[in-house]
Amino acid sequence: MRGDVKRKILEILDESPGIFGDVLEIFSMPYGTSLSGMHYRLSMNQRARSKERAEMAERHRFSVLLYRLKKEGLVEEKISSRGKILKLTGIGKNFLAKLLHVKRGEALPPKRYKKQESKELKIITFDIPERDRKKRRWLRGALFNLGFAMLQKSVWTGNAEIPEPFLNDLRVLRLLPHVEIFSVSKKGTLEKIE
């Protein structure tokens, strides 16, 4: 029996040097504990320790994530009568809305932009590949909401300024190479179109 205990202690130290908890556990077992009983108790202790380590790692990951969310201005901590409360900021709500659009497969930005009249006529043409037909439909909707009229499916005209957020969205969607925007200062025969 004593040889078995020594062997088990040496096995434990060989497998994981520096961990004395299992060795101490063997000495605290009741006299006459069988080798299988020792194995069982040691395995239960190892499971408990690994569960504790996993919980500690999870808490650490959560605190790091919370720190980053606060640093990015997405979440703020408020103190109430019930203690600390986490709330989304305005930036956080907008970011969440964008994430939900992406999650639903609607990775396209909203079609609404601030309308502003222009003295010059704008002509917008585009040739977007068929694989990007969702982006093409988005572009048509955005142009319609800006006040442009369709001459052909891929040719639109109107007296509206092109907002910077719209151009940024075209850039993000990688549509700029497929879109041409012309500004006409002298209309000539185009006056009949309006």
Foldseek 3Di string as FASTA:
>chain_A
DVVLLVVVVVVVCVVPPPDCPLVVVSVPDDPPQDSVSSVVVSVVVVVVVVVVVVVVVVVVVVVVVVVVCVVVQQWDWDQDPVGIDIDGDPVNVVVVVCVVCVVVVNNADDLADDWDFALWKKKKFFDDDPVVVVVLVSVVSNCVNNPWDDPDSGIIMDGTDDDPVNVVSCVVVVRVVGMDMDTHNDCVVVVVVD
